[in-house]
Each structure stands twice: as C-alpha cells, then as structure tokens.
Amino acid sequence: MTKYDEQFKLKIVRKYLAHKGGYRALADEHGLHHSVIVHWVNLHRLHGVSGLAKKQVPGKYDVEFRLSVLKCLW
C-alpha cells in the first residue's frame, strides 16, 4: 500500500505549480520532506498525472494472469 494516494500528490503538485508555496513551505504545511515534493513535481512534469499513479509491484500479478501464463507453458 502506498503512503500517499494519487489525489493527495496531485493536490500538492498543483499547489506548487500555481505558486501557492515553495517546496519547503508546502512540505512544512503537509508534514513532508521537501525532496518528496521535488520528486512528485518532476514526475508530473515528465509523465503528467500518470507519473503520480501507483506502480504495479513486479511479481504481484492477479490469479487469472498467472493461470494464463501457466496454461501457455503447459
């Protein structure tokens, strides 16, 4: 489980981009380290909203996918 959801990250990034605070001010306001906000802003600039989305952890596939792979191997 991620510590911060996509909507929270997007809210912080939008505040920063709207010049409603710098990295450190927003970090202090939300109890974060400023480097976390720098990272989120950079991800947003590179990939848009999808850059803030939760990533699928390798090796965590659903049962249906695993069964389909096994059937192909058999």
Protein backbone atom coordinates (compact mmCIF):
# COMPACT_ATOMS: atom_id res chain seq x y z
CA MET A 1 0.00 0.00 0.00
CA THR A 2 1.30 3.43 -0.88
CA LYS A 3 1.70 6.01 1.80
CA TYR A 4 0.15 8.84 -0.24
CA ASP A 5 -2.58 8.39 -2.82
CA GLU A 6 -2.55 9.90 -6.30
CA GLN A 7 -5.10 12.62 -5.42
CA PHE A 8 -3.03 13.88 -2.49
CA LYS A 9 0.14 14.02 -4.60
CA LEU A 10 -1.69 15.83 -7.38
CA LYS A 11 -3.10 18.38 -4.93
CA ILE A 12 0.40 19.20 -3.66
CA VAL A 13 1.86 19.37 -7.18
CA ARG A 14 -0.92 21.68 -8.36
CA LYS A 15 -0.37 23.96 -5.36
CA TYR A 16 3.31 24.17 -6.22
CA LEU A 17 2.66 24.83 -9.93
CA ALA A 18 0.10 27.52 -9.03
CA HIS A 19 2.82 29.29 -6.99
CA LYS A 20 0.91 28.78 -3.74
CA GLY A 21 4.10 27.84 -1.96
CA GLY A 22 7.62 26.64 -2.49
CA TYR A 23 8.92 23.14 -1.88
CA ARG A 24 9.84 23.78 1.74
CA ALA A 25 6.68 25.73 2.61
CA LEU A 26 4.41 23.03 1.17
CA ALA A 27 6.47 20.32 2.85
CA ASP A 28 6.15 22.01 6.23
CA GLU A 29 2.42 22.55 5.70
CA HIS A 30 1.80 18.86 4.98
CA GLY A 31 4.43 17.24 7.18
CA LEU A 32 6.64 16.04 4.32
CA HIS A 33 10.29 16.36 3.44
CA HIS A 34 10.80 18.87 0.64
CA SER A 35 12.62 16.31 -1.52
CA VAL A 36 9.39 14.27 -1.75
CA ILE A 37 7.59 17.23 -3.31
CA VAL A 38 10.52 17.88 -5.68
CA HIS A 39 10.25 14.25 -6.79
CA TRP A 40 6.47 14.44 -7.32
CA VAL A 41 6.75 17.69 -9.30
CA ASN A 42 9.46 16.20 -11.52
CA LEU A 43 7.41 13.05 -12.13
CA HIS A 44 4.41 15.19 -13.02
CA ARG A 45 6.47 17.30 -15.44
CA LEU A 46 7.88 14.21 -17.17
CA HIS A 47 4.83 11.93 -17.24
CA GLY A 48 1.79 14.02 -16.35
CA VAL A 49 -0.79 12.75 -13.89
CA SER A 50 0.11 9.13 -14.67
CA GLY A 51 3.56 9.75 -13.18
CA LEU A 52 1.94 10.09 -9.76
CA ALA A 53 -0.08 6.88 -10.05
CA LYS A 54 0.70 3.78 -8.02
CA LYS A 55 3.03 1.43 -9.85
CA GLN A 56 2.40 -2.30 -10.08
CA VAL A 57 4.98 -4.12 -7.99
CA PRO A 58 6.85 -6.75 -10.04
CA GLY A 59 5.78 -10.23 -9.07
CA LYS A 60 2.33 -9.13 -7.89
CA TYR A 61 0.09 -10.46 -10.61
CA ASP A 62 -3.53 -11.49 -10.26
CA VAL A 63 -4.58 -15.15 -10.28
CA GLU A 64 -6.07 -15.03 -13.78
CA PHE A 65 -2.85 -13.74 -15.31
CA ARG A 66 -0.77 -16.36 -13.51
CA LEU A 67 -3.06 -19.14 -14.71
CA SER A 68 -2.91 -17.91 -18.30
CA VAL A 69 0.91 -17.97 -18.18
CA LEU A 70 0.92 -21.49 -16.75
CA LYS A 71 -1.51 -22.69 -19.44
CA CYS A 72 0.80 -21.29 -22.13
CA LEU A 73 3.76 -23.10 -20.59
CA TRP A 74 1.88 -26.41 -20.40
